[in-house]
Amino acid sequence: MNIINTGAALALTTTLASAGGFTMYDDHAVFSMNTGALSIENFESEQLGDLALPTGFDSGLGLSMGSGAVSSYIGAGDPDNFGFENTTAMGRNYLAFGRNVMVPGAPDMPQTGSYTAVFSLGESVNAFGFNLSGAEFAFAAMGLNVTTFSNGQIRDDFFFASDQFFGVDFYGMITDDSFDTISINIPVLTGGTADYVAFDDVTWGAVPAPSTPALLALGGLGATRRRR
């Protein structure tokens, strides 16, 4: 766990990880303890198959792609060994990005380039979290960029430092600045191949801001923020 600083992320072990009106979490249980019940999209009510973006889910969560051109779909299992995992108890579905393109008579072609998943929340919130599987940040940018928006205007830019390599990691944030849309950029792998990832148990809502004393024991994740 790391102290989070508005400048560089400091690699110091601690149980407290907040600064400058924002808090990052890498522990889903601790995030939930500090937020209480939130809206959630676990994709279990969605049909398997490709998604035409923009689209909306039963929970009210909206999805579009801000940049890039990889496939997006509701999947289950991991037939292509991309490291995708469902994280919903007794569930099976997840939201996936990226797949190899079949070429008749030739090897499948990987999709290429970085891309940005944009989640619209339908309300003003200051807490957001998600499970991510299949990421290969150890071979890319060592993390992902996150930008929040309110009424189309940028509120904050964040960088989640991470050395995730496959497996499942949790990323969560609570900020002083409310937002209604959040974009998550998935960096390209070495050589230009897209990093295929899967989201599950996306959660969001309005909670007490990090500056309030109620936020105590925090699971920290190295991060930096640029105010707009």
C-alpha atoms as a PDB file:
ATOM      1  CA  MET A   1       0.000   0.000   0.000  1.00  0.00           C
ATOM      2  CA  ASN A   2       1.233   3.509  -0.819  1.00  0.00           C
ATOM      3  CA  ILE A   3       0.793   7.012   0.421  1.00  0.00           C
ATOM      4  CA  ILE A   4      -0.954   8.981  -2.317  1.00  0.00           C
ATOM      5  CA  ASN A   5       0.493  12.375  -3.046  1.00  0.00           C
ATOM      6  CA  THR A   6      -0.724  15.074  -5.450  1.00  0.00           C
ATOM      7  CA  GLY A   7       2.777  15.057  -6.910  1.00  0.00           C
ATOM      8  CA  ALA A   8       4.681  11.797  -7.323  1.00  0.00           C
ATOM      9  CA  ALA A   9       3.352   8.613  -5.772  1.00  0.00           C
ATOM     10  CA  LEU A  10       5.489   7.654  -2.767  1.00  0.00           C
ATOM     11  CA  ALA A  11       6.272   4.008  -2.163  1.00  0.00           C
ATOM     12  CA  LEU A  12       5.837   4.044   1.624  1.00  0.00           C
ATOM     13  CA  THR A  13       3.914   1.384   3.526  1.00  0.00           C
ATOM     14  CA  THR A  14       0.954   2.764   5.470  1.00  0.00           C
ATOM     15  CA  THR A  15      -2.709   2.110   6.223  1.00  0.00           C
ATOM     16  CA  LEU A  16      -3.703   5.658   5.268  1.00  0.00           C
ATOM     17  CA  ALA A  17      -3.812   6.660   1.620  1.00  0.00           C
ATOM     18  CA  SER A  18      -5.426  10.001   0.920  1.00  0.00           C
ATOM     19  CA  ALA A  19      -4.380  13.530   0.067  1.00  0.00           C
ATOM     20  CA  GLY A  20      -5.706  16.703  -1.485  1.00  0.00           C
ATOM     21  CA  GLY A  21      -9.380  15.705  -1.448  1.00  0.00           C
ATOM     22  CA  PHE A  22      -9.091  12.318  -3.147  1.00  0.00           C
ATOM     23  CA  THR A  23      -8.516   8.760  -2.017  1.00  0.00           C
ATOM     24  CA  MET A  24      -7.516   5.739  -4.083  1.00  0.00           C
ATOM     25  CA  TYR A  25      -8.167   2.128  -3.124  1.00  0.00           C
ATOM     26  CA  ASP A  26      -6.748  -1.208  -4.212  1.00  0.00           C
ATOM     27  CA  ASP A  27      -8.861  -3.196  -1.731  1.00  0.00           C
ATOM     28  CA  HIS A  28     -12.510  -3.715  -2.692  1.00  0.00           C
ATOM     29  CA  ALA A  29     -13.615  -4.618   0.833  1.00  0.00           C
ATOM     30  CA  VAL A  30     -12.099  -1.473   2.341  1.00  0.00           C
ATOM     31  CA  PHE A  31     -13.552   0.679  -0.444  1.00  0.00           C
ATOM     32  CA  SER A  32     -17.013  -0.790   0.265  1.00  0.00           C
ATOM     33  CA  MET A  33     -16.581  -0.238   3.998  1.00  0.00           C
ATOM     34  CA  ASN A  34     -15.958   3.468   3.404  1.00  0.00           C
ATOM     35  CA  THR A  35     -18.664   3.991   0.779  1.00  0.00           C
ATOM     36  CA  GLY A  36     -21.555   1.815   1.954  1.00  0.00           C
ATOM     37  CA  ALA A  37     -24.051   0.581  -0.641  1.00  0.00           C
ATOM     38  CA  LEU A  38     -23.457   1.866  -4.171  1.00  0.00           C
ATOM     39  CA  SER A  39     -25.083   1.370  -7.548  1.00  0.00           C
ATOM     40  CA  ILE A  40     -23.536  -1.643  -9.264  1.00  0.00           C
ATOM     41  CA  GLU A  41     -23.390  -3.152 -12.739  1.00  0.00           C
ATOM     42  CA  ASN A  42     -22.201  -6.764 -12.742  1.00  0.00           C
ATOM     43  CA  PHE A  43     -23.354  -7.517 -16.319  1.00  0.00           C
ATOM     44  CA  GLU A  44     -25.173 -10.676 -15.204  1.00  0.00           C
ATOM     45  CA  SER A  45     -28.477  -9.576 -16.788  1.00  0.00           C
ATOM     46  CA  GLU A  46     -26.816  -8.783 -20.131  1.00  0.00           C
ATOM     47  CA  GLN A  47     -26.817 -11.177 -23.074  1.00  0.00           C
ATOM     48  CA  LEU A  48     -23.491 -12.597 -24.181  1.00  0.00           C
ATOM     49  CA  GLY A  49     -22.134 -11.155 -27.401  1.00  0.00           C
ATOM     50  CA  ASP A  50     -20.848  -8.037 -29.114  1.00  0.00           C
ATOM     51  CA  LEU A  51     -21.901  -4.546 -28.042  1.00  0.00           C
ATOM     52  CA  ALA A  52     -22.656  -1.681 -30.412  1.00  0.00           C
ATOM     53  CA  LEU A  53     -21.417   1.459 -28.682  1.00  0.00           C
ATOM     54  CA  PRO A  54     -22.710   3.681 -27.250  1.00  0.00           C
ATOM     55  CA  THR A  55     -24.966   1.444 -25.190  1.00  0.00           C
ATOM     56  CA  GLY A  56     -26.664   1.307 -21.801  1.00  0.00           C
ATOM     57  CA  PHE A  57     -27.044  -1.443 -19.213  1.00  0.00           C
ATOM     58  CA  ASP A  58     -29.950  -2.361 -16.939  1.00  0.00           C
ATOM     59  CA  SER A  59     -28.390  -0.569 -13.961  1.00  0.00           C
ATOM     60  CA  GLY A  60     -28.391   2.780 -15.788  1.00  0.00           C
ATOM     61  CA  LEU A  61     -24.678   2.647 -16.510  1.00  0.00           C
ATOM     62  CA  GLY A  62     -23.825   3.897 -19.991  1.00  0.00           C
ATOM     63  CA  LEU A  63     -20.827   2.869 -22.057  1.00  0.00           C
ATOM     64  CA  SER A  64     -19.086   4.397 -25.055  1.00  0.00           C
ATOM     65  CA  MET A  65     -15.571   4.393 -26.490  1.00  0.00           C
ATOM     66  CA  GLY A  66     -13.792   7.717 -26.351  1.00  0.00           C
ATOM     67  CA  SER A  67     -10.882   6.606 -28.498  1.00  0.00           C
ATOM     68  CA  GLY A  68      -9.513   3.473 -30.118  1.00  0.00           C
ATOM     69  CA  ALA A  69     -11.157   0.725 -32.132  1.00  0.00           C
ATOM     70  CA  VAL A  70     -11.194  -2.617 -30.319  1.00  0.00           C
ATOM     71  CA  SER A  71     -14.137  -4.990 -29.929  1.00  0.00           C
ATOM     72  CA  SER A  72     -16.368  -4.633 -26.871  1.00  0.00           C
ATOM     73  CA  TYR A  73     -18.628  -7.438 -25.731  1.00  0.00           C
ATOM     74  CA  ILE A  74     -20.229  -9.274 -22.823  1.00  0.00           C
ATOM     75  CA  GLY A  75     -18.250 -12.443 -22.225  1.00  0.00           C
ATOM     76  CA  ALA A  76     -18.082 -15.387 -19.848  1.00  0.00           C
ATOM     77  CA  GLY A  77     -15.227 -17.738 -19.130  1.00  0.00           C
ATOM     78  CA  ASP A  78     -11.826 -17.267 -20.764  1.00  0.00           C
ATOM     79  CA  PRO A  79     -11.829 -19.286 -24.005  1.00  0.00           C
ATOM     80  CA  ASP A  80      -8.975 -17.304 -25.574  1.00  0.00           C
ATOM     81  CA  ASN A  81      -6.722 -17.305 -22.489  1.00  0.00           C
ATOM     82  CA  PHE A  82      -6.703 -13.518 -22.244  1.00  0.00           C
ATOM     83  CA  GLY A  83      -6.864 -13.650 -18.438  1.00  0.00           C
ATOM     84  CA  PHE A  84     -10.516 -12.538 -18.238  1.00  0.00           C
ATOM     85  CA  GLU A  85     -12.334 -13.399 -15.000  1.00  0.00           C
ATOM     86  CA  ASN A  86     -15.833 -12.911 -13.642  1.00  0.00           C
ATOM     87  CA  THR A  87     -15.718 -11.471 -10.102  1.00  0.00           C
ATOM     88  CA  THR A  88     -19.420 -11.525  -9.180  1.00  0.00           C
ATOM     89  CA  ALA A  89     -20.296 -14.123  -6.545  1.00  0.00           C
ATOM     90  CA  MET A  90     -22.228 -16.923  -8.299  1.00  0.00           C
ATOM     91  CA  GLY A  91     -21.945 -14.929 -11.550  1.00  0.00           C
ATOM     92  CA  ARG A  92     -20.360 -15.576 -14.930  1.00  0.00           C
ATOM     93  CA  ASN A  93     -20.452 -12.422 -17.093  1.00  0.00           C
ATOM     94  CA  TYR A  94     -18.049  -9.524 -17.550  1.00  0.00           C
ATOM     95  CA  LEU A  95     -17.532  -6.581 -19.917  1.00  0.00           C
ATOM     96  CA  ALA A  96     -14.579  -7.310 -22.214  1.00  0.00           C
ATOM     97  CA  PHE A  97     -12.517  -5.214 -24.615  1.00  0.00           C
ATOM     98  CA  GLY A  98     -10.359  -6.698 -27.368  1.00  0.00           C
ATOM     99  CA  ARG A  99     -10.261  -9.954 -29.289  1.00  0.00           C
ATOM    100  CA  ASN A 100      -8.200 -11.465 -32.083  1.00  0.00           C
ATOM    101  CA  VAL A 101      -9.768 -11.093 -35.525  1.00  0.00           C
ATOM    102  CA  MET A 102     -10.228 -14.304 -37.507  1.00  0.00           C
ATOM    103  CA  VAL A 103      -8.593 -14.311 -40.949  1.00  0.00           C
ATOM    104  CA  PRO A 104      -9.607 -17.221 -43.233  1.00  0.00           C
ATOM    105  CA  GLY A 105      -6.622 -19.348 -44.106  1.00  0.00           C
ATOM    106  CA  ALA A 106      -4.241 -17.321 -41.957  1.00  0.00           C
ATOM    107  CA  PRO A 107      -3.402 -16.782 -38.271  1.00  0.00           C
ATOM    108  CA  ASP A 108      -5.803 -14.603 -36.302  1.00  0.00           C
ATOM    109  CA  MET A 109      -4.836 -10.927 -36.276  1.00  0.00           C
ATOM    110  CA  PRO A 110      -4.602  -9.055 -32.955  1.00  0.00           C
ATOM    111  CA  GLN A 111      -6.368  -5.720 -32.583  1.00  0.00           C
ATOM    112  CA  THR A 112      -4.025  -2.801 -32.050  1.00  0.00           C
ATOM    113  CA  GLY A 113      -3.678   0.526 -30.265  1.00  0.00           C
ATOM    114  CA  SER A 114      -4.676   2.003 -26.942  1.00  0.00           C
ATOM    115  CA  TYR A 115      -8.338   2.735 -26.269  1.00  0.00           C
ATOM    116  CA  THR A 116     -10.574   4.564 -23.805  1.00  0.00           C
ATOM    117  CA  ALA A 117     -13.706   3.158 -22.176  1.00  0.00           C
ATOM    118  CA  VAL A 118     -16.147   5.912 -21.141  1.00  0.00           C
ATOM    119  CA  PHE A 119     -18.736   5.183 -18.445  1.00  0.00           C
ATOM    120  CA  SER A 120     -21.670   7.585 -18.038  1.00  0.00           C
ATOM    121  CA  LEU A 121     -23.308   7.342 -14.617  1.00  0.00           C
ATOM    122  CA  GLY A 122     -26.595   9.168 -15.044  1.00  0.00           C
ATOM    123  CA  GLU A 123     -26.061  11.157 -11.854  1.00  0.00           C
ATOM    124  CA  SER A 124     -23.494  13.262 -10.032  1.00  0.00           C
ATOM    125  CA  VAL A 125     -21.233  11.045  -7.916  1.00  0.00           C
ATOM    126  CA  ASN A 126     -17.847  11.141  -6.245  1.00  0.00           C
ATOM    127  CA  ALA A 127     -17.118   7.428  -5.773  1.00  0.00           C
ATOM    128  CA  PHE A 128     -16.282   4.904  -8.487  1.00  0.00           C
ATOM    129  CA  GLY A 129     -14.694   1.465  -8.504  1.00  0.00           C
ATOM    130  CA  PHE A 130     -14.232  -1.600 -10.697  1.00  0.00           C
ATOM    131  CA  ASN A 131     -12.503  -4.964 -10.930  1.00  0.00           C
ATOM    132  CA  LEU A 132     -10.154  -5.354 -13.886  1.00  0.00           C
ATOM    133  CA  SER A 133      -8.762  -8.636 -15.204  1.00  0.00           C
ATOM    134  CA  GLY A 134      -6.426  -9.513 -18.069  1.00  0.00           C
ATOM    135  CA  ALA A 135      -4.399  -6.274 -17.947  1.00  0.00           C
ATOM    136  CA  GLU A 136      -0.696  -6.472 -18.780  1.00  0.00           C
ATOM    137  CA  PHE A 137       0.506  -3.172 -17.335  1.00  0.00           C
ATOM    138  CA  ALA A 138       3.860  -4.721 -16.468  1.00  0.00           C
ATOM    139  CA  PHE A 139       4.609  -4.610 -20.210  1.00  0.00           C
ATOM    140  CA  ALA A 140       2.942  -1.243 -20.903  1.00  0.00           C
ATOM    141  CA  ALA A 141       2.640   2.065 -19.071  1.00  0.00           C
ATOM    142  CA  MET A 142       2.663   0.609 -15.533  1.00  0.00           C
ATOM    143  CA  GLY A 143      -0.867   1.802 -14.877  1.00  0.00           C
ATOM    144  CA  LEU A 144      -3.854   3.523 -16.427  1.00  0.00           C
ATOM    145  CA  ASN A 145      -5.124   7.056 -16.858  1.00  0.00           C
ATOM    146  CA  VAL A 146      -8.553   8.046 -15.549  1.00  0.00           C
ATOM    147  CA  THR A 147     -10.369  11.320 -16.292  1.00  0.00           C
ATOM    148  CA  THR A 148     -13.577  12.535 -14.654  1.00  0.00           C
ATOM    149  CA  PHE A 149     -16.115  14.894 -16.249  1.00  0.00           C
ATOM    150  CA  SER A 150     -19.094  16.906 -15.073  1.00  0.00           C
ATOM    151  CA  ASN A 151     -21.542  18.202 -17.689  1.00  0.00           C
ATOM    152  CA  GLY A 152     -18.918  17.565 -20.351  1.00  0.00           C
ATOM    153  CA  GLN A 153     -16.179  19.523 -18.563  1.00  0.00           C
ATOM    154  CA  ILE A 154     -13.041  17.827 -17.256  1.00  0.00           C
ATOM    155  CA  ARG A 155     -12.858  17.804 -13.455  1.00  0.00           C
ATOM    156  CA  ASP A 156      -9.741  15.742 -12.729  1.00  0.00           C
ATOM    157  CA  ASP A 157      -7.079  13.564 -14.350  1.00  0.00           C
ATOM    158  CA  PHE A 158      -5.734  10.646 -12.335  1.00  0.00           C
ATOM    159  CA  PHE A 159      -3.033   8.062 -12.932  1.00  0.00           C
ATOM    160  CA  PHE A 160      -3.411   4.700 -11.202  1.00  0.00           C
ATOM    161  CA  ALA A 161       0.087   3.264 -10.817  1.00  0.00           C
ATOM    162  CA  SER A 162      -0.047  -0.527 -11.160  1.00  0.00           C
ATOM    163  CA  ASP A 163       2.169  -3.459 -12.101  1.00  0.00           C
ATOM    164  CA  GLN A 164      -0.844  -5.729 -12.703  1.00  0.00           C
ATOM    165  CA  PHE A 165      -0.127  -8.658 -14.986  1.00  0.00           C
ATOM    166  CA  PHE A 166      -3.231 -10.736 -15.689  1.00  0.00           C
ATOM    167  CA  GLY A 167      -5.058 -11.764 -12.505  1.00  0.00           C
ATOM    168  CA  VAL A 168      -7.724  -9.456 -11.028  1.00  0.00           C
ATOM    169  CA  ASP A 169      -7.042  -6.072  -9.453  1.00  0.00           C
ATOM    170  CA  PHE A 170      -9.490  -3.612  -7.895  1.00  0.00           C
ATOM    171  CA  TYR A 171      -9.339   0.121  -8.607  1.00  0.00           C
ATOM    172  CA  GLY A 172     -11.459   2.534  -6.589  1.00  0.00           C
ATOM    173  CA  MET A 173     -11.585   6.268  -5.936  1.00  0.00           C
ATOM    174  CA  ILE A 174     -13.451   8.812  -3.816  1.00  0.00           C
ATOM    175  CA  THR A 175     -12.966  12.491  -4.638  1.00  0.00           C
ATOM    176  CA  ASP A 176     -14.041  15.911  -3.431  1.00  0.00           C
ATOM    177  CA  ASP A 177     -14.979  16.805  -7.016  1.00  0.00           C
ATOM    178  CA  SER A 178     -18.303  15.335  -8.174  1.00  0.00           C
ATOM    179  CA  PHE A 179     -18.544  13.898 -11.699  1.00  0.00           C
ATOM    180  CA  ASP A 180     -21.116  12.217 -13.936  1.00  0.00           C
ATOM    181  CA  THR A 181     -18.804  10.570 -16.489  1.00  0.00           C
ATOM    182  CA  ILE A 182     -15.474   8.806 -16.197  1.00  0.00           C
ATOM    183  CA  SER A 183     -13.057   7.683 -18.921  1.00  0.00           C
ATOM    184  CA  ILE A 184     -10.488   4.935 -18.423  1.00  0.00           C
ATOM    185  CA  ASN A 185      -7.615   4.658 -20.866  1.00  0.00           C
ATOM    186  CA  ILE A 186      -6.083   1.232 -21.466  1.00  0.00           C
ATOM    187  CA  PRO A 187      -2.506   1.705 -22.721  1.00  0.00           C
ATOM    188  CA  VAL A 188      -1.121  -0.154 -25.704  1.00  0.00           C
ATOM    189  CA  LEU A 189       1.247  -3.086 -25.270  1.00  0.00           C
ATOM    190  CA  THR A 190       4.806  -3.111 -26.568  1.00  0.00           C
ATOM    191  CA  GLY A 191       4.694  -3.417 -30.337  1.00  0.00           C
ATOM    192  CA  GLY A 192       1.288  -1.754 -30.702  1.00  0.00           C
ATOM    193  CA  THR A 193      -0.973  -4.673 -29.765  1.00  0.00           C
ATOM    194  CA  ALA A 194      -4.056  -3.664 -27.781  1.00  0.00           C
ATOM    195  CA  ASP A 195      -4.170  -4.807 -24.146  1.00  0.00           C
ATOM    196  CA  TYR A 196      -7.331  -6.926 -23.874  1.00  0.00           C
ATOM    197  CA  VAL A 197      -9.071  -6.444 -20.502  1.00  0.00           C
ATOM    198  CA  ALA A 198     -12.359  -7.220 -18.743  1.00  0.00           C
ATOM    199  CA  PHE A 199     -14.331  -5.040 -16.307  1.00  0.00           C
ATOM    200  CA  ASP A 200     -16.684  -6.436 -13.684  1.00  0.00           C
ATOM    201  CA  ASP A 201     -18.660  -5.200 -10.685  1.00  0.00           C
ATOM    202  CA  VAL A 202     -18.505  -1.534 -11.707  1.00  0.00           C
ATOM    203  CA  THR A 203     -19.783   0.550  -8.773  1.00  0.00           C
ATOM    204  CA  TRP A 204     -20.578   4.241  -8.319  1.00  0.00           C
ATOM    205  CA  GLY A 205     -22.416   6.672  -6.034  1.00  0.00           C
ATOM    206  CA  ALA A 206     -22.294   9.796  -3.887  1.00  0.00           C
ATOM    207  CA  VAL A 207     -20.567   9.411  -0.501  1.00  0.00           C
ATOM    208  CA  PRO A 208     -18.878  11.663   2.087  1.00  0.00           C
ATOM    209  CA  ALA A 209     -15.815  13.293   0.542  1.00  0.00           C
ATOM    210  CA  PRO A 210     -12.300  12.112   1.518  1.00  0.00           C
ATOM    211  CA  SER A 211     -11.707  15.220   3.615  1.00  0.00           C
ATOM    212  CA  THR A 212     -14.296  14.058   6.173  1.00  0.00           C
ATOM    213  CA  PRO A 213     -13.007  12.202   9.255  1.00  0.00           C
ATOM    214  CA  ALA A 214     -15.215   9.199   8.454  1.00  0.00           C
ATOM    215  CA  LEU A 215     -12.614   7.836   6.034  1.00  0.00           C
ATOM    216  CA  LEU A 216     -10.178   6.030   8.280  1.00  0.00           C
ATOM    217  CA  ALA A 217      -8.561   2.705   7.394  1.00  0.00           C
ATOM    218  CA  LEU A 218      -7.829   2.882   3.684  1.00  0.00           C
ATOM    219  CA  GLY A 219      -6.403   0.361   1.234  1.00  0.00           C
ATOM    220  CA  GLY A 220      -3.970   2.497  -0.734  1.00  0.00           C
ATOM    221  CA  LEU A 221      -2.941   2.551  -4.377  1.00  0.00           C
ATOM    222  CA  GLY A 222      -0.216   4.768  -5.813  1.00  0.00           C
ATOM    223  CA  ALA A 223      -1.743   7.606  -7.819  1.00  0.00           C
ATOM    224  CA  THR A 224      -1.249  11.165  -8.968  1.00  0.00           C
ATOM    225  CA  ARG A 225      -3.839  13.788  -9.850  1.00  0.00           C
ATOM    226  CA  ARG A 226      -3.875  16.914 -11.994  1.00  0.00           C
ATOM    227  CA  ARG A 227      -6.604  19.441 -11.175  1.00  0.00           C
ATOM    228  CA  ARG A 228      -8.422  21.180 -14.053  1.00  0.00           C
END
